[in-house]
Structures are given as C-alpha cells and as structure tokens.
C-alpha atoms as a PDB file:
ATOM      1  CA  MET A   1    -154.128 -95.022  50.269  1.00  0.00           C
ATOM      2  CA  SER A   2    -155.378 -92.216  48.097  1.00  0.00           C
ATOM      3  CA  THR A   3    -153.895 -89.927  45.518  1.00  0.00           C
ATOM      4  CA  ALA A   4    -155.060 -86.493  44.439  1.00  0.00           C
ATOM      5  CA  ALA A   5    -155.784 -87.649  40.885  1.00  0.00           C
ATOM      6  CA  ALA A   6    -157.276 -91.043  41.626  1.00  0.00           C
ATOM      7  CA  PRO A   7    -160.012 -92.691  43.672  1.00  0.00           C
ATOM      8  CA  ARG A   8    -159.121 -94.961  46.549  1.00  0.00           C
ATOM      9  CA  PHE A   9    -157.579 -98.294  45.564  1.00  0.00           C
ATOM     10  CA  TYR A  10    -157.058-101.593  47.391  1.00  0.00           C
ATOM     11  CA  CYS A  11    -155.568-105.043  46.800  1.00  0.00           C
ATOM     12  CA  ASP A  12    -157.639-108.206  46.824  1.00  0.00           C
ATOM     13  CA  ALA A  13    -155.004-110.920  47.261  1.00  0.00           C
ATOM     14  CA  ALA A  14    -157.505-113.782  47.342  1.00  0.00           C
ATOM     15  CA  GLU A  15    -159.176-112.723  44.088  1.00  0.00           C
ATOM     16  CA  HIS A  16    -155.995-111.406  42.384  1.00  0.00           C
ATOM     17  CA  PHE A  17    -157.059-107.882  41.441  1.00  0.00           C
ATOM     18  CA  ILE A  18    -156.640-104.224  42.281  1.00  0.00           C
ATOM     19  CA  GLY A  19    -159.947-102.678  43.214  1.00  0.00           C
ATOM     20  CA  THR A  20    -161.355 -99.205  43.429  1.00  0.00           C
ATOM     21  CA  ARG A  21    -163.964 -97.984  45.862  1.00  0.00           C
ATOM     22  CA  ALA A  22    -165.147 -95.448  43.266  1.00  0.00           C
ATOM     23  CA  ALA A  23    -167.122 -98.055  41.302  1.00  0.00           C
ATOM     24  CA  GLU A  24    -169.548-100.000  43.465  1.00  0.00           C
ATOM     25  CA  ALA A  25    -171.032-102.141  40.674  1.00  0.00           C
ATOM     26  CA  ASP A  26    -167.662-103.501  39.520  1.00  0.00           C
ATOM     27  CA  PRO A  27    -164.800-102.747  41.900  1.00  0.00           C
ATOM     28  CA  VAL A  28    -162.114-104.343  39.659  1.00  0.00           C
ATOM     29  CA  TYR A  29    -159.764-101.630  38.439  1.00  0.00           C
ATOM     30  CA  ALA A  30    -156.876-103.801  37.217  1.00  0.00           C
ATOM     31  CA  GLY A  31    -156.555-107.520  36.774  1.00  0.00           C
ATOM     32  CA  SER A  32    -159.404-109.997  36.621  1.00  0.00           C
ATOM     33  CA  ARG A  33    -161.324-111.361  39.600  1.00  0.00           C
ATOM     34  CA  GLY A  34    -160.268-114.947  40.324  1.00  0.00           C
ATOM     35  CA  ALA A  35    -157.803-115.159  37.412  1.00  0.00           C
ATOM     36  CA  PRO A  36    -154.209-115.226  38.692  1.00  0.00           C
ATOM     37  CA  GLY A  37    -151.284-114.687  36.354  1.00  0.00           C
ATOM     38  CA  ARG A  38    -148.575-112.247  35.388  1.00  0.00           C
ATOM     39  CA  ILE A  39    -149.518-110.297  32.316  1.00  0.00           C
ATOM     40  CA  ASP A  40    -148.610-106.669  31.600  1.00  0.00           C
ATOM     41  CA  GLY A  41    -150.758-104.455  29.411  1.00  0.00           C
ATOM     42  CA  PRO A  42    -154.101-102.676  29.562  1.00  0.00           C
ATOM     43  CA  ARG A  43    -155.321-102.659  33.155  1.00  0.00           C
ATOM     44  CA  ARG A  44    -158.322-104.981  32.680  1.00  0.00           C
ATOM     45  CA  LYS A  45    -156.281-107.470  30.626  1.00  0.00           C
ATOM     46  CA  ALA A  46    -153.384-107.481  33.085  1.00  0.00           C
ATOM     47  CA  ARG A  47    -153.084-110.287  35.633  1.00  0.00           C
ATOM     48  CA  PHE A  48    -151.816-110.322  39.232  1.00  0.00           C
ATOM     49  CA  HIS A  49    -151.191-113.162  41.663  1.00  0.00           C
ATOM     50  CA  GLY A  50    -151.898-112.422  45.300  1.00  0.00           C
ATOM     51  CA  PRO A  51    -151.226-108.666  45.370  1.00  0.00           C
ATOM     52  CA  ARG A  52    -150.670-107.631  49.011  1.00  0.00           C
ATOM     53  CA  ALA A  53    -149.916-103.899  49.095  1.00  0.00           C
ATOM     54  CA  LEU A  54    -149.883-100.758  47.026  1.00  0.00           C
ATOM     55  CA  THR A  55    -148.625 -97.210  47.256  1.00  0.00           C
ATOM     56  CA  ALA A  56    -148.858 -94.052  45.186  1.00  0.00           C
ATOM     57  CA  GLY A  57    -145.758 -93.177  43.188  1.00  0.00           C
ATOM     58  CA  GLY A  58    -146.944 -89.723  42.219  1.00  0.00           C
ATOM     59  CA  ALA A  59    -150.229 -88.332  40.960  1.00  0.00           C
ATOM     60  CA  SER A  60    -150.760 -90.955  38.267  1.00  0.00           C
ATOM     61  CA  LEU A  61    -148.710 -94.007  39.259  1.00  0.00           C
ATOM     62  CA  LEU A  62    -149.454 -96.866  41.656  1.00  0.00           C
ATOM     63  CA  PHE A  63    -146.935 -99.499  42.695  1.00  0.00           C
ATOM     64  CA  VAL A  64    -148.250-102.948  43.621  1.00  0.00           C
ATOM     65  CA  ALA A  65    -146.534-105.646  45.700  1.00  0.00           C
ATOM     66  CA  ASP A  66    -147.537-108.588  43.496  1.00  0.00           C
ATOM     67  CA  THR A  67    -146.418-111.108  46.083  1.00  0.00           C
ATOM     68  CA  GLY A  68    -147.507-114.329  44.380  1.00  0.00           C
ATOM     69  CA  ASN A  69    -145.552-113.382  41.271  1.00  0.00           C
ATOM     70  CA  GLY A  70    -142.476-112.233  43.197  1.00  0.00           C
ATOM     71  CA  ALA A  71    -142.683-108.842  41.530  1.00  0.00           C
ATOM     72  CA  VAL A  72    -143.362-105.166  42.017  1.00  0.00           C
ATOM     73  CA  ARG A  73    -145.757-103.922  39.366  1.00  0.00           C
ATOM     74  CA  SER A  74    -146.751-100.403  38.357  1.00  0.00           C
ATOM     75  CA  ILE A  75    -150.091 -99.084  37.154  1.00  0.00           C
ATOM     76  CA  ASP A  76    -150.115 -95.880  35.133  1.00  0.00           C
ATOM     77  CA  ILE A  77    -153.548 -94.513  36.019  1.00  0.00           C
ATOM     78  CA  ARG A  78    -153.633 -91.993  33.157  1.00  0.00           C
ATOM     79  CA  ALA A  79    -152.722 -94.534  30.487  1.00  0.00           C
ATOM     80  CA  GLY A  80    -154.512 -97.447  32.165  1.00  0.00           C
ATOM     81  CA  VAL A  81    -151.500 -99.727  31.694  1.00  0.00           C
ATOM     82  CA  VAL A  82    -149.820-102.251  34.008  1.00  0.00           C
ATOM     83  CA  ASN A  83    -146.064-102.932  33.784  1.00  0.00           C
ATOM     84  CA  THR A  84    -143.598-105.009  35.767  1.00  0.00           C
ATOM     85  CA  ALA A  85    -141.082-102.813  37.592  1.00  0.00           C
ATOM     86  CA  LEU A  86    -138.986-105.308  39.615  1.00  0.00           C
ATOM     87  CA  THR A  87    -138.609-109.097  39.690  1.00  0.00           C
ATOM     88  CA  LEU A  88    -136.397-111.747  41.261  1.00  0.00           C
ATOM     89  CA  ALA A  89    -133.935-111.253  38.374  1.00  0.00           C
ATOM     90  CA  ASP A  90    -133.452-107.623  39.473  1.00  0.00           C
ATOM     91  CA  ILE A  91    -132.969-108.644  43.100  1.00  0.00           C
ATOM     92  CA  CYS A  92    -130.423-111.301  42.085  1.00  0.00           C
ATOM     93  CA  THR A  93    -128.178-108.597  40.591  1.00  0.00           C
ATOM     94  CA  ILE A  94    -127.581-107.540  44.212  1.00  0.00           C
ATOM     95  CA  ALA A  95    -128.024-110.745  46.216  1.00  0.00           C
ATOM     96  CA  HIS A  96    -128.464-114.325  45.068  1.00  0.00           C
ATOM     97  CA  VAL A  97    -131.678-115.351  46.782  1.00  0.00           C
ATOM     98  CA  PRO A  98    -134.115-118.105  45.777  1.00  0.00           C
ATOM     99  CA  GLU A  99    -137.205-115.910  45.836  1.00  0.00           C
ATOM    100  CA  PHE A 100    -138.491-112.350  46.107  1.00  0.00           C
ATOM    101  CA  THR A 101    -141.554-111.796  48.308  1.00  0.00           C
ATOM    102  CA  PRO A 102    -142.548-108.128  48.237  1.00  0.00           C
ATOM    103  CA  SER A 103    -145.313-107.695  50.791  1.00  0.00           C
ATOM    104  CA  GLY A 104    -145.201-104.041  51.780  1.00  0.00           C
ATOM    105  CA  LEU A 105    -144.481-100.821  49.886  1.00  0.00           C
ATOM    106  CA  ALA A 106    -144.040 -97.139  50.669  1.00  0.00           C
ATOM    107  CA  CYS A 107    -143.035 -94.270  48.417  1.00  0.00           C
ATOM    108  CA  ASP A 108    -141.804 -90.848  49.495  1.00  0.00           C
ATOM    109  CA  GLY A 109    -141.656 -89.414  45.977  1.00  0.00           C
ATOM    110  CA  GLU A 110    -137.966 -90.228  45.514  1.00  0.00           C
ATOM    111  CA  TRP A 111    -137.706 -93.798  46.769  1.00  0.00           C
ATOM    112  CA  LEU A 112    -139.886 -96.846  46.610  1.00  0.00           C
ATOM    113  CA  VAL A 113    -139.183 -98.951  49.703  1.00  0.00           C
ATOM    114  CA  ILE A 114    -140.047-102.656  49.666  1.00  0.00           C
ATOM    115  CA  ALA A 115    -140.472-105.061  52.604  1.00  0.00           C
ATOM    116  CA  ASP A 116    -139.300-108.504  51.408  1.00  0.00           C
ATOM    117  CA  THR A 117    -140.757-110.986  53.891  1.00  0.00           C
ATOM    118  CA  ARG A 118    -138.957-114.244  53.204  1.00  0.00           C
ATOM    119  CA  ASN A 119    -135.572-112.623  52.618  1.00  0.00           C
ATOM    120  CA  HIS A 120    -135.922-110.637  55.893  1.00  0.00           C
ATOM    121  CA  VAL A 121    -134.775-107.379  54.265  1.00  0.00           C
ATOM    122  CA  VAL A 122    -135.883-103.964  53.055  1.00  0.00           C
ATOM    123  CA  TRP A 123    -134.973-102.846  49.514  1.00  0.00           C
ATOM    124  CA  SER A 124    -134.958 -99.317  48.095  1.00  0.00           C
ATOM    125  CA  TYR A 125    -135.582 -98.352  44.508  1.00  0.00           C
ATOM    126  CA  ASP A 126    -134.553 -94.856  43.421  1.00  0.00           C
ATOM    127  CA  LEU A 127    -137.335 -93.585  41.162  1.00  0.00           C
ATOM    128  CA  ARG A 128    -135.068 -91.074  39.437  1.00  0.00           C
ATOM    129  CA  SER A 129    -132.045 -93.230  38.641  1.00  0.00           C
ATOM    130  CA  HIS A 130    -133.964 -96.550  38.590  1.00  0.00           C
ATOM    131  CA  ARG A 131    -131.320 -98.007  40.889  1.00  0.00           C
ATOM    132  CA  LEU A 132    -132.236-100.886  43.186  1.00  0.00           C
ATOM    133  CA  ALA A 133    -130.304-101.264  46.459  1.00  0.00           C
ATOM    134  CA  LEU A 134    -130.411-103.152  49.729  1.00  0.00           C
ATOM    135  CA  LEU A 135    -131.546-100.584  52.295  1.00  0.00           C
ATOM    136  CA  ALA A 136    -131.338-102.674  55.459  1.00  0.00           C
ATOM    137  CA  GLY A 137    -130.932-106.256  56.597  1.00  0.00           C
ATOM    138  CA  CYS A 138    -128.996-109.251  55.306  1.00  0.00           C
ATOM    139  CA  PRO A 139    -130.751-111.418  52.702  1.00  0.00           C
ATOM    140  CA  GLY A 140    -131.792-114.761  54.136  1.00  0.00           C
ATOM    141  CA  THR A 141    -130.602-113.942  57.658  1.00  0.00           C
ATOM    142  CA  PRO A 142    -133.477-113.335  60.090  1.00  0.00           C
ATOM    143  CA  GLY A 143    -133.041-111.698  63.467  1.00  0.00           C
ATOM    144  CA  ASP A 144    -133.928-108.831  65.730  1.00  0.00           C
ATOM    145  CA  VAL A 145    -130.927-106.506  65.624  1.00  0.00           C
ATOM    146  CA  ASP A 146    -130.804-102.731  65.320  1.00  0.00           C
ATOM    147  CA  GLY A 147    -127.877-101.182  63.501  1.00  0.00           C
ATOM    148  CA  ASP A 148    -126.578 -99.784  60.268  1.00  0.00           C
ATOM    149  CA  CYS A 149    -127.681-101.176  56.920  1.00  0.00           C
ATOM    150  CA  GLU A 150    -126.502-104.758  56.512  1.00  0.00           C
ATOM    151  CA  GLN A 151    -125.745-105.114  60.240  1.00  0.00           C
ATOM    152  CA  ALA A 152    -129.461-104.859  61.051  1.00  0.00           C
ATOM    153  CA  ARG A 153    -131.666-107.950  61.120  1.00  0.00           C
ATOM    154  CA  PHE A 154    -135.423-108.250  60.544  1.00  0.00           C
ATOM    155  CA  TRP A 155    -137.846-111.062  61.301  1.00  0.00           C
ATOM    156  CA  LEU A 156    -140.420-111.422  58.504  1.00  0.00           C
ATOM    157  CA  PRO A 157    -141.029-107.777  57.539  1.00  0.00           C
ATOM    158  CA  VAL A 158    -144.545-107.552  56.127  1.00  0.00           C
ATOM    159  CA  ALA A 159    -145.376-103.870  55.741  1.00  0.00           C
ATOM    160  CA  VAL A 160    -143.720-100.485  55.362  1.00  0.00           C
ATOM    161  CA  ALA A 161    -145.045 -96.940  55.703  1.00  0.00           C
ATOM    162  CA  LEU A 162    -143.665 -93.420  55.658  1.00  0.00           C
ATOM    163  CA  ALA A 163    -142.491 -92.320  59.094  1.00  0.00           C
ATOM    164  CA  ASP A 164    -144.544 -89.540  60.675  1.00  0.00           C
ATOM    165  CA  ASP A 165    -141.451 -87.357  61.008  1.00  0.00           C
ATOM    166  CA  GLY A 166    -140.674 -87.640  57.272  1.00  0.00           C
ATOM    167  CA  ARG A 167    -137.199 -88.958  58.064  1.00  0.00           C
ATOM    168  CA  GLY A 168    -137.508 -92.484  56.848  1.00  0.00           C
ATOM    169  CA  PHE A 169    -139.834 -95.437  56.999  1.00  0.00           C
ATOM    170  CA  VAL A 170    -141.547 -97.643  59.567  1.00  0.00           C
ATOM    171  CA  VAL A 171    -141.289-101.364  58.897  1.00  0.00           C
ATOM    172  CA  SER A 172    -143.750-103.734  60.569  1.00  0.00           C
ATOM    173  CA  GLU A 173    -142.456-107.214  61.190  1.00  0.00           C
ATOM    174  CA  ALA A 174    -143.360-110.303  63.196  1.00  0.00           C
ATOM    175  CA  ARG A 175    -141.685-108.922  66.341  1.00  0.00           C
ATOM    176  CA  GLY A 176    -142.793-105.298  66.212  1.00  0.00           C
ATOM    177  CA  ARG A 177    -142.053-102.082  64.377  1.00  0.00           C
ATOM    178  CA  ARG A 178    -138.704-100.641  63.312  1.00  0.00           C
ATOM    179  CA  HIS A 179    -137.687 -97.226  62.011  1.00  0.00           C
ATOM    180  CA  VAL A 180    -135.398 -97.278  58.959  1.00  0.00           C
ATOM    181  CA  SER A 181    -133.677 -94.062  57.912  1.00  0.00           C
ATOM    182  CA  HIS A 182    -132.853 -93.129  54.325  1.00  0.00           C
ATOM    183  CA  ARG A 183    -129.273 -94.230  55.086  1.00  0.00           C
ATOM    184  CA  GLY A 184    -130.437 -97.654  56.270  1.00  0.00           C
ATOM    185  CA  ASP A 185    -130.013 -97.113  60.009  1.00  0.00           C
ATOM    186  CA  VAL A 186    -132.489 -99.318  61.884  1.00  0.00           C
ATOM    187  CA  ARG A 187    -133.860 -98.805  65.394  1.00  0.00           C
ATOM    188  CA  THR A 188    -136.663-100.551  67.232  1.00  0.00           C
ATOM    189  CA  LEU A 189    -139.730 -98.504  68.083  1.00  0.00           C
ATOM    190  CA  GLY A 190    -141.581 -98.990  71.380  1.00  0.00           C
ATOM    191  CA  ARG A 191    -143.093-102.438  71.774  1.00  0.00           C
END
C-alpha cells in the first residue's frame, strides 16, 4: 500500500509495530518493536498489539487493523500522531458481540470497510459522517451465503480490498473471495 505523500508502510504483527520501507536502518514508523499495548499519542510512543492490515485514508492518514487490541487505529502522517478510531464499544452500539477482530481494511475515500474475522461480518465506517454500520453478514453467524446485507453469510473474512471495477469491495475469507457492493449485496467470485 502506498500513498502519494508517504513512503510504503507495512504491519509487523509479531513485533507490534507499523514499519516503513523508506528507512532501512530503523524500519519502525509507529509503535515500538516487541512492546505490545494500546497507547495513543506520538507515533513512536504509541503502542499496537498484533496489527494485521493497513490502508490509506487520504494523502496523510493511515488506518490500521490493530487486531490484538480489537480496534481500528489511525495514524496522521503529517502530525505523527496515532489515535483510536473504533473499538468493541463502538461495534456494540450496533450488535452485542463479545469481541471485535478487525483483520482487513480498505478505504475508497468515502468509506472505510473492515473485515471482522471472528464475527463473520463486514463493517463500514463513513469517513464524512463518522457513522459505523453493518455492511454485510450477521454478527456471530458464519456461513457461505450470497445475498443482501444481513442475509449474506461469511466464513472467517480476513482481508478486504477495493474491487477492480470501483463498484465495491472484494472480501477474502476461508472459503474464497466475495464481492460486496456499497449497498451490502454479496456475491461469490469464481473459486
């Protein structure tokens, strides 16, 4: 993943940091190598726990699936500051689930889309209104069913990317890949 205003970044889940390929001597951009935790603040003082995915949210913003903390975090590249964007408490305003396991993220400039592995769903977060919603699936109900929004079922979704046609997202899960439209319509892609 790259942005126009930033070098290439990556997640190191085992060592709990966000790295950059721009600095070979010390690749740690945010967090601290081998020091898990959940601390917001200046990027090098911030802490992550098992970050699994990241996506650009514009020219100066990165979103991180901080899986071990059950949170989506943001990094403002210009300011060099890490903040928590979404947690289990936010998810529980929509569905009462015991945990939140963000493992994949994609952003199309308007929406941040989140693959939640253990809840078997895909969430959407409107970047303009800051509104969180269930995009597709039924929390806690795994399956392999195409359909509209809550009628669809996923089996351990682990990643999400922008669809090549620009009309939604592609979710990778244990049983294959699924296309999810902006309206939450789900259809299986060739297996």
